[in-house]
PDB file of N, CA and C in Angstrom:
ATOM      1  N   MET A   1      -3.999 -14.721   0.227  1.00  0.00           N
ATOM      2  CA  MET A   1      -3.078 -14.665   1.341  1.00  0.00           C
ATOM      3  C   MET A   1      -2.412 -13.303   1.376  1.00  0.00           C
ATOM      4  N   SER A   2      -2.379 -12.668   2.536  1.00  0.00           N
ATOM      5  CA  SER A   2      -1.767 -11.355   2.677  1.00  0.00           C
ATOM      6  C   SER A   2      -0.288 -11.477   2.971  1.00  0.00           C
ATOM      7  N   GLN A   3       0.431 -10.517   2.475  1.00  0.00           N
ATOM      8  CA  GLN A   3       1.849 -10.407   2.778  1.00  0.00           C
ATOM      9  C   GLN A   3       2.053  -9.088   3.480  1.00  0.00           C
ATOM     10  N   SER A   4       3.065  -9.023   4.314  1.00  0.00           N
ATOM     11  CA  SER A   4       3.387  -7.766   4.969  1.00  0.00           C
ATOM     12  C   SER A   4       4.164  -6.895   4.011  1.00  0.00           C
ATOM     13  N   PRO A   5       4.063  -5.567   4.173  1.00  0.00           N
ATOM     14  CA  PRO A   5       4.866  -4.694   3.343  1.00  0.00           C
ATOM     15  C   PRO A   5       6.338  -4.918   3.655  1.00  0.00           C
ATOM     16  N   ALA A   6       7.203  -4.475   2.764  1.00  0.00           N
ATOM     17  CA  ALA A   6       8.638  -4.581   2.999  1.00  0.00           C
ATOM     18  C   ALA A   6       8.968  -3.973   4.357  1.00  0.00           C
ATOM     19  N   PRO A   7      10.000  -4.493   5.030  1.00  0.00           N
ATOM     20  CA  PRO A   7      10.313  -4.017   6.382  1.00  0.00           C
ATOM     21  C   PRO A   7      10.517  -2.508   6.473  1.00  0.00           C
ATOM     22  N   ASP A   8      11.024  -1.893   5.423  1.00  0.00           N
ATOM     23  CA  ASP A   8      11.276  -0.454   5.462  1.00  0.00           C
ATOM     24  C   ASP A   8      10.096   0.361   4.961  1.00  0.00           C
ATOM     25  N   ARG A   9       8.986  -0.280   4.665  1.00  0.00           N
ATOM     26  CA  ARG A   9       7.805   0.408   4.134  1.00  0.00           C
ATOM     27  C   ARG A   9       6.672   0.342   5.150  1.00  0.00           C
ATOM     28  N   ALA A  10       6.043   1.488   5.343  1.00  0.00           N
ATOM     29  CA  ALA A  10       4.870   1.544   6.222  1.00  0.00           C
ATOM     30  C   ALA A  10       3.734   0.759   5.568  1.00  0.00           C
ATOM     31  N   PRO A  11       2.766   0.299   6.346  1.00  0.00           N
ATOM     32  CA  PRO A  11       1.661  -0.473   5.765  1.00  0.00           C
ATOM     33  C   PRO A  11       0.770   0.349   4.835  1.00  0.00           C
ATOM     34  N   ALA A  12       0.830   1.668   4.925  1.00  0.00           N
ATOM     35  CA  ALA A  12       0.046   2.546   4.052  1.00  0.00           C
ATOM     36  C   ALA A  12       0.826   3.841   3.851  1.00  0.00           C
ATOM     37  N   PRO A  13       0.626   4.495   2.703  1.00  0.00           N
ATOM     38  CA  PRO A  13       1.357   5.741   2.468  1.00  0.00           C
ATOM     39  C   PRO A  13       0.891   6.848   3.411  1.00  0.00           C
ATOM     40  N   ASP A  14       1.850   7.648   3.866  1.00  0.00           N
ATOM     41  CA  ASP A  14       1.494   8.795   4.692  1.00  0.00           C
ATOM     42  C   ASP A  14       1.191   9.982   3.774  1.00  0.00           C
ATOM     43  N   ARG A  15       0.862  11.104   4.370  1.00  0.00           N
ATOM     44  CA  ARG A  15       0.478  12.290   3.599  1.00  0.00           C
ATOM     45  C   ARG A  15       1.566  12.702   2.605  1.00  0.00           C
ATOM     46  N   ALA A  16       2.809  12.718   3.042  1.00  0.00           N
ATOM     47  CA  ALA A  16       3.913  13.130   2.165  1.00  0.00           C
ATOM     48  C   ALA A  16       4.035  12.190   0.963  1.00  0.00           C
ATOM     49  N   GLU A  17       3.873  10.888   1.198  1.00  0.00           N
ATOM     50  CA  GLU A  17       3.956   9.924   0.096  1.00  0.00           C
ATOM     51  C   GLU A  17       2.794  10.090  -0.879  1.00  0.00           C
ATOM     52  N   VAL A  18       1.608  10.331  -0.367  1.00  0.00           N
ATOM     53  CA  VAL A  18       0.451  10.549  -1.233  1.00  0.00           C
ATOM     54  C   VAL A  18       0.673  11.796  -2.082  1.00  0.00           C
ATOM     55  N   ILE A  19       1.176  12.850  -1.486  1.00  0.00           N
ATOM     56  CA  ILE A  19       1.438  14.081  -2.244  1.00  0.00           C
ATOM     57  C   ILE A  19       2.499  13.832  -3.310  1.00  0.00           C
ATOM     58  N   GLU A  20       3.548  13.065  -2.978  1.00  0.00           N
ATOM     59  CA  GLU A  20       4.576  12.736  -3.968  1.00  0.00           C
ATOM     60  C   GLU A  20       3.994  11.948  -5.130  1.00  0.00           C
ATOM     61  N   MET A  21       3.122  10.992  -4.823  1.00  0.00           N
ATOM     62  CA  MET A  21       2.480  10.204  -5.882  1.00  0.00           C
ATOM     63  C   MET A  21       1.616  11.090  -6.766  1.00  0.00           C
ATOM     64  N   LEU A  22       0.855  11.977  -6.150  1.00  0.00           N
ATOM     65  CA  LEU A  22       0.010  12.885  -6.922  1.00  0.00           C
ATOM     66  C   LEU A  22       0.844  13.863  -7.748  1.00  0.00           C
ATOM     67  N   ALA A  23       1.977  14.276  -7.215  1.00  0.00           N
ATOM     68  CA  ALA A  23       2.848  15.202  -7.946  1.00  0.00           C
ATOM     69  C   ALA A  23       3.384  14.560  -9.224  1.00  0.00           C
ATOM     70  N   SER A  24       3.555  13.248  -9.196  1.00  0.00           N
ATOM     71  CA  SER A  24       4.074  12.572 -10.386  1.00  0.00           C
ATOM     72  C   SER A  24       3.045  12.545 -11.523  1.00  0.00           C
ATOM     73  N   PHE A  25       1.795  12.843 -11.212  1.00  0.00           N
ATOM     74  CA  PHE A  25       0.762  13.000 -12.239  1.00  0.00           C
ATOM     75  C   PHE A  25       0.899  14.416 -12.786  1.00  0.00           C
ATOM     76  N   GLY A  26       1.336  14.542 -14.005  1.00  0.00           N
ATOM     77  CA  GLY A  26       1.538  15.854 -14.605  1.00  0.00           C
ATOM     78  C   GLY A  26       2.893  16.453 -14.293  1.00  0.00           C
ATOM     79  N   GLN A  27       3.771  15.661 -13.702  1.00  0.00           N
ATOM     80  CA  GLN A  27       5.143  16.085 -13.403  1.00  0.00           C
ATOM     81  C   GLN A  27       5.181  17.424 -12.680  1.00  0.00           C
ATOM     82  N   ARG A  28       4.463  17.490 -11.561  1.00  0.00           N
ATOM     83  CA  ARG A  28       4.414  18.708 -10.749  1.00  0.00           C
ATOM     84  C   ARG A  28       5.367  18.586  -9.581  1.00  0.00           C
ATOM     85  N   SER A  29       5.668  19.715  -8.972  1.00  0.00           N
ATOM     86  CA  SER A  29       6.410  19.685  -7.717  1.00  0.00           C
ATOM     87  C   SER A  29       5.396  19.385  -6.609  1.00  0.00           C
ATOM     88  N   VAL A  30       5.885  18.907  -5.471  1.00  0.00           N
ATOM     89  CA  VAL A  30       4.957  18.598  -4.378  1.00  0.00           C
ATOM     90  C   VAL A  30       4.219  19.846  -3.915  1.00  0.00           C
ATOM     91  N   GLY A  31       4.825  20.993  -4.053  1.00  0.00           N
ATOM     92  CA  GLY A  31       4.180  22.243  -3.673  1.00  0.00           C
ATOM     93  C   GLY A  31       3.032  22.646  -4.577  1.00  0.00           C
ATOM     94  N   GLU A  32       2.949  22.042  -5.752  1.00  0.00           N
ATOM     95  CA  GLU A  32       1.888  22.357  -6.701  1.00  0.00           C
ATOM     96  C   GLU A  32       0.663  21.457  -6.559  1.00  0.00           C
ATOM     97  N   VAL A  33       0.720  20.501  -5.650  1.00  0.00           N
ATOM     98  CA  VAL A  33      -0.395  19.573  -5.465  1.00  0.00           C
ATOM     99  C   VAL A  33      -1.416  20.214  -4.531  1.00  0.00           C
ATOM    100  N   PRO A  34      -2.634  20.464  -5.025  1.00  0.00           N
ATOM    101  CA  PRO A  34      -3.662  21.068  -4.168  1.00  0.00           C
ATOM    102  C   PRO A  34      -4.267  20.035  -3.222  1.00  0.00           C
ATOM    103  N   GLU A  35      -4.992  20.485  -2.228  1.00  0.00           N
ATOM    104  CA  GLU A  35      -5.662  19.580  -1.291  1.00  0.00           C
ATOM    105  C   GLU A  35      -6.759  18.788  -2.002  1.00  0.00           C
ATOM    106  N   GLN A  36      -7.480  19.418  -2.921  1.00  0.00           N
ATOM    107  CA  GLN A  36      -8.561  18.744  -3.650  1.00  0.00           C
ATOM    108  C   GLN A  36      -7.975  17.749  -4.647  1.00  0.00           C
ATOM    109  N   ILE A  37      -8.614  16.588  -4.791  1.00  0.00           N
ATOM    110  CA  ILE A  37      -8.180  15.558  -5.731  1.00  0.00           C
ATOM    111  C   ILE A  37      -9.283  15.365  -6.767  1.00  0.00           C
ATOM    112  N   GLY A  38      -8.920  15.484  -8.040  1.00  0.00           N
ATOM    113  CA  GLY A  38      -9.865  15.228  -9.121  1.00  0.00           C
ATOM    114  C   GLY A  38      -9.937  13.748  -9.440  1.00  0.00           C
ATOM    115  N   SER A  39     -10.881  13.369 -10.293  1.00  0.00           N
ATOM    116  CA  SER A  39     -11.098  11.951 -10.596  1.00  0.00           C
ATOM    117  C   SER A  39      -9.900  11.322 -11.306  1.00  0.00           C
ATOM    118  N   LEU A  40      -9.259  12.045 -12.208  1.00  0.00           N
ATOM    119  CA  LEU A  40      -8.081  11.498 -12.877  1.00  0.00           C
ATOM    120  C   LEU A  40      -6.916  11.341 -11.904  1.00  0.00           C
ATOM    121  N   GLU A  41      -6.759  12.312 -11.014  1.00  0.00           N
ATOM    122  CA  GLU A  41      -5.710  12.206  -9.993  1.00  0.00           C
ATOM    123  C   GLU A  41      -5.970  11.022  -9.071  1.00  0.00           C
ATOM    124  N   LEU A  42      -7.221  10.799  -8.729  1.00  0.00           N
ATOM    125  CA  LEU A  42      -7.570   9.684  -7.856  1.00  0.00           C
ATOM    126  C   LEU A  42      -7.251   8.354  -8.535  1.00  0.00           C
ATOM    127  N   THR A  43      -7.581   8.243  -9.805  1.00  0.00           N
ATOM    128  CA  THR A  43      -7.262   7.030 -10.561  1.00  0.00           C
ATOM    129  C   THR A  43      -5.757   6.796 -10.574  1.00  0.00           C
ATOM    130  N   TRP A  44      -5.004   7.859 -10.815  1.00  0.00           N
ATOM    131  CA  TRP A  44      -3.538   7.787 -10.812  1.00  0.00           C
ATOM    132  C   TRP A  44      -3.033   7.339  -9.439  1.00  0.00           C
ATOM    133  N   LEU A  45      -3.548   7.931  -8.388  1.00  0.00           N
ATOM    134  CA  LEU A  45      -3.112   7.609  -7.031  1.00  0.00           C
ATOM    135  C   LEU A  45      -3.375   6.137  -6.707  1.00  0.00           C
ATOM    136  N   ILE A  46      -4.553   5.653  -7.021  1.00  0.00           N
ATOM    137  CA  ILE A  46      -4.887   4.258  -6.740  1.00  0.00           C
ATOM    138  C   ILE A  46      -3.948   3.324  -7.498  1.00  0.00           C
ATOM    139  N   THR A  47      -3.698   3.638  -8.765  1.00  0.00           N
ATOM    140  CA  THR A  47      -2.786   2.821  -9.565  1.00  0.00           C
ATOM    141  C   THR A  47      -1.380   2.839  -8.970  1.00  0.00           C
ATOM    142  N   LYS A  48      -0.896   4.011  -8.581  1.00  0.00           N
ATOM    143  CA  LYS A  48       0.443   4.123  -7.984  1.00  0.00           C
ATOM    144  C   LYS A  48       0.535   3.310  -6.701  1.00  0.00           C
ATOM    145  N   VAL A  49      -0.475   3.394  -5.853  1.00  0.00           N
ATOM    146  CA  VAL A  49      -0.464   2.645  -4.591  1.00  0.00           C
ATOM    147  C   VAL A  49      -0.455   1.145  -4.880  1.00  0.00           C
ATOM    148  N   GLU A  50      -1.290   0.709  -5.815  1.00  0.00           N
ATOM    149  CA  GLU A  50      -1.327  -0.713  -6.149  1.00  0.00           C
ATOM    150  C   GLU A  50       0.035  -1.198  -6.643  1.00  0.00           C
ATOM    151  N   LEU A  51       0.672  -0.423  -7.502  1.00  0.00           N
ATOM    152  CA  LEU A  51       1.971  -0.814  -8.043  1.00  0.00           C
ATOM    153  C   LEU A  51       3.072  -0.767  -6.980  1.00  0.00           C
ATOM    154  N   GLU A  52       3.122   0.295  -6.225  1.00  0.00           N
ATOM    155  CA  GLU A  52       4.200   0.465  -5.249  1.00  0.00           C
ATOM    156  C   GLU A  52       4.060  -0.431  -4.030  1.00  0.00           C
ATOM    157  N   TYR A  53       2.832  -0.776  -3.676  1.00  0.00           N
ATOM    158  CA  TYR A  53       2.607  -1.613  -2.499  1.00  0.00           C
ATOM    159  C   TYR A  53       2.327  -3.070  -2.865  1.00  0.00           C
ATOM    160  N   GLY A  54       2.237  -3.371  -4.168  1.00  0.00           N
ATOM    161  CA  GLY A  54       2.001  -4.735  -4.602  1.00  0.00           C
ATOM    162  C   GLY A  54       0.667  -5.284  -4.138  1.00  0.00           C
ATOM    163  N   VAL A  55      -0.369  -4.451  -4.214  1.00  0.00           N
ATOM    164  CA  VAL A  55      -1.693  -4.842  -3.747  1.00  0.00           C
ATOM    165  C   VAL A  55      -2.730  -4.586  -4.832  1.00  0.00           C
ATOM    166  N   THR A  56      -3.865  -5.222  -4.671  1.00  0.00           N
ATOM    167  CA  THR A  56      -5.054  -4.906  -5.442  1.00  0.00           C
ATOM    168  C   THR A  56      -6.041  -4.310  -4.450  1.00  0.00           C
ATOM    169  N   LEU A  57      -6.368  -3.051  -4.638  1.00  0.00           N
ATOM    170  CA  LEU A  57      -7.270  -2.379  -3.705  1.00  0.00           C
ATOM    171  C   LEU A  57      -8.720  -2.670  -4.058  1.00  0.00           C
ATOM    172  N   GLU A  58      -9.472  -3.049  -3.068  1.00  0.00           N
ATOM    173  CA  GLU A  58     -10.910  -3.263  -3.220  1.00  0.00           C
ATOM    174  C   GLU A  58     -11.597  -2.107  -2.500  1.00  0.00           C
ATOM    175  N   LEU A  59     -11.849  -1.029  -3.238  1.00  0.00           N
ATOM    176  CA  LEU A  59     -12.427   0.178  -2.657  1.00  0.00           C
ATOM    177  C   LEU A  59     -13.934   0.204  -2.882  1.00  0.00           C
ATOM    178  N   SER A  60     -14.674   0.414  -1.827  1.00  0.00           N
ATOM    179  CA  SER A  60     -16.124   0.540  -1.952  1.00  0.00           C
ATOM    180  C   SER A  60     -16.456   1.867  -2.636  1.00  0.00           C
ATOM    181  N   ASP A  61     -17.667   1.955  -3.147  1.00  0.00           N
ATOM    182  CA  ASP A  61     -18.116   3.218  -3.741  1.00  0.00           C
ATOM    183  C   ASP A  61     -18.030   4.340  -2.714  1.00  0.00           C
ATOM    184  N   GLU A  62     -18.369   4.021  -1.478  1.00  0.00           N
ATOM    185  CA  GLU A  62     -18.313   5.012  -0.405  1.00  0.00           C
ATOM    186  C   GLU A  62     -16.882   5.510  -0.195  1.00  0.00           C
ATOM    187  N   ALA A  63     -15.912   4.589  -0.182  1.00  0.00           N
ATOM    188  CA  ALA A  63     -14.509   4.981  -0.007  1.00  0.00           C
ATOM    189  C   ALA A  63     -14.047   5.846  -1.166  1.00  0.00           C
ATOM    190  N   LEU A  64     -14.395   5.443  -2.386  1.00  0.00           N
ATOM    191  CA  LEU A  64     -14.002   6.232  -3.561  1.00  0.00           C
ATOM    192  C   LEU A  64     -14.603   7.628  -3.524  1.00  0.00           C
ATOM    193  N   MET A  65     -15.877   7.714  -3.170  1.00  0.00           N
ATOM    194  CA  MET A  65     -16.538   9.020  -3.131  1.00  0.00           C
ATOM    195  C   MET A  65     -15.970   9.909  -2.024  1.00  0.00           C
ATOM    196  N   SER A  66     -15.413   9.307  -0.992  1.00  0.00           N
ATOM    197  CA  SER A  66     -14.864  10.099   0.109  1.00  0.00           C
ATOM    198  C   SER A  66     -13.475  10.641  -0.203  1.00  0.00           C
ATOM    199  N   MET A  67     -12.814  10.086  -1.206  1.00  0.00           N
ATOM    200  CA  MET A  67     -11.427  10.453  -1.498  1.00  0.00           C
ATOM    201  C   MET A  67     -11.353  11.684  -2.404  1.00  0.00           C
ATOM    202  N   THR A  68     -11.794  12.810  -1.873  1.00  0.00           N
ATOM    203  CA  THR A  68     -11.821  14.050  -2.660  1.00  0.00           C
ATOM    204  C   THR A  68     -10.725  15.021  -2.257  1.00  0.00           C
ATOM    205  N   THR A  69     -10.030  14.717  -1.180  1.00  0.00           N
ATOM    206  CA  THR A  69      -8.929  15.557  -0.717  1.00  0.00           C
ATOM    207  C   THR A  69      -7.733  14.671  -0.386  1.00  0.00           C
ATOM    208  N   VAL A  70      -6.569  15.272  -0.282  1.00  0.00           N
ATOM    209  CA  VAL A  70      -5.376  14.523   0.121  1.00  0.00           C
ATOM    210  C   VAL A  70      -5.616  13.903   1.489  1.00  0.00           C
ATOM    211  N   THR A  71      -6.166  14.666   2.400  1.00  0.00           N
ATOM    212  CA  THR A  71      -6.416  14.180   3.759  1.00  0.00           C
ATOM    213  C   THR A  71      -7.337  12.965   3.759  1.00  0.00           C
ATOM    214  N   SER A  72      -8.443  13.043   3.017  1.00  0.00           N
ATOM    215  CA  SER A  72      -9.374  11.919   3.000  1.00  0.00           C
ATOM    216  C   SER A  72      -8.792  10.714   2.262  1.00  0.00           C
ATOM    217  N   ALA A  73      -7.943  10.947   1.256  1.00  0.00           N
ATOM    218  CA  ALA A  73      -7.299   9.837   0.548  1.00  0.00           C
ATOM    219  C   ALA A  73      -6.330   9.101   1.465  1.00  0.00           C
ATOM    220  N   VAL A  74      -5.557   9.842   2.247  1.00  0.00           N
ATOM    221  CA  VAL A  74      -4.628   9.225   3.195  1.00  0.00           C
ATOM    222  C   VAL A  74      -5.405   8.346   4.169  1.00  0.00           C
ATOM    223  N   THR A  75      -6.496   8.863   4.700  1.00  0.00           N
ATOM    224  CA  THR A  75      -7.317   8.113   5.652  1.00  0.00           C
ATOM    225  C   THR A  75      -7.908   6.867   5.010  1.00  0.00           C
ATOM    226  N   ALA A  76      -8.491   7.003   3.826  1.00  0.00           N
ATOM    227  CA  ALA A  76      -9.128   5.867   3.150  1.00  0.00           C
ATOM    228  C   ALA A  76      -8.099   4.802   2.785  1.00  0.00           C
ATOM    229  N   LEU A  77      -6.933   5.220   2.297  1.00  0.00           N
ATOM    230  CA  LEU A  77      -5.897   4.252   1.937  1.00  0.00           C
ATOM    231  C   LEU A  77      -5.398   3.507   3.171  1.00  0.00           C
ATOM    232  N   ARG A  78      -5.208   4.230   4.252  1.00  0.00           N
ATOM    233  CA  ARG A  78      -4.781   3.591   5.501  1.00  0.00           C
ATOM    234  C   ARG A  78      -5.814   2.559   5.938  1.00  0.00           C
ATOM    235  N   ASP A  79      -7.087   2.912   5.850  1.00  0.00           N
ATOM    236  CA  ASP A  79      -8.154   2.004   6.274  1.00  0.00           C
ATOM    237  C   ASP A  79      -8.241   0.758   5.402  1.00  0.00           C
ATOM    238  N   VAL A  80      -8.153   0.940   4.085  1.00  0.00           N
ATOM    239  CA  VAL A  80      -8.349  -0.190   3.166  1.00  0.00           C
ATOM    240  C   VAL A  80      -7.110  -1.078   3.070  1.00  0.00           C
ATOM    241  N   LEU A  81      -5.938  -0.529   3.229  1.00  0.00           N
ATOM    242  CA  LEU A  81      -4.733  -1.349   3.061  1.00  0.00           C
ATOM    243  C   LEU A  81      -4.565  -2.404   4.141  1.00  0.00           C
ATOM    244  N   THR A  82      -5.234  -2.249   5.237  1.00  0.00           N
ATOM    245  CA  THR A  82      -5.156  -3.288   6.265  1.00  0.00           C
ATOM    246  C   THR A  82      -5.843  -4.567   5.819  1.00  0.00           C
ATOM    247  N   GLY A  83      -6.730  -4.468   4.813  1.00  0.00           N
ATOM    248  CA  GLY A  83      -7.438  -5.650   4.324  1.00  0.00           C
ATOM    249  C   GLY A  83      -7.222  -5.904   2.843  1.00  0.00           C
ATOM    250  N   ALA A  84      -6.271  -5.212   2.199  1.00  0.00           N
ATOM    251  CA  ALA A  84      -6.049  -5.357   0.759  1.00  0.00           C
ATOM    252  C   ALA A  84      -5.469  -6.733   0.441  1.00  0.00           C
ATOM    253  N   GLU A  85      -5.852  -7.238  -0.718  1.00  0.00           N
ATOM    254  CA  GLU A  85      -5.294  -8.499  -1.221  1.00  0.00           C
ATOM    255  C   GLU A  85      -3.979  -8.211  -1.924  1.00  0.00           C
ATOM    256  N   HIS A  86      -2.971  -8.962  -1.569  1.00  0.00           N
ATOM    257  CA  HIS A  86      -1.678  -8.799  -2.224  1.00  0.00           C
ATOM    258  C   HIS A  86      -1.630  -9.677  -3.461  1.00  0.00           C
ATOM    259  N   VAL A  87      -1.010  -9.127  -4.504  1.00  0.00           N
ATOM    260  CA  VAL A  87      -0.902  -9.869  -5.766  1.00  0.00           C
ATOM    261  C   VAL A  87       0.473 -10.464  -5.903  1.00  0.00           C
TER     262      VAL A  87
END
C-alpha cells in the first residue's frame, strides 16, 4: 500500500535536494558536488532517498545505469518514486 509523502515534502527530491544528499557523502559543500555521480555516491543517494522518503526503491538495471549524473538521477528518482513501495 502506498502512502503519500508528508504534506510539506515533494513526491521526489528536486535537484537541490539531490545535491544536498550527495554533499553529505564525504561531508562536502554543495558547491563541491560534481555533475558526474560515481557508484559509491549513487549507492549513498539511493540509501538517503529511501531513508528520508520512507520508501523502498525498486530500480531497474536500466534506471541504475542511467543515473550517472545529478540531472539523470533527479529524473530517474522522480520517475520511480511515483511507483515506489512505502515501508
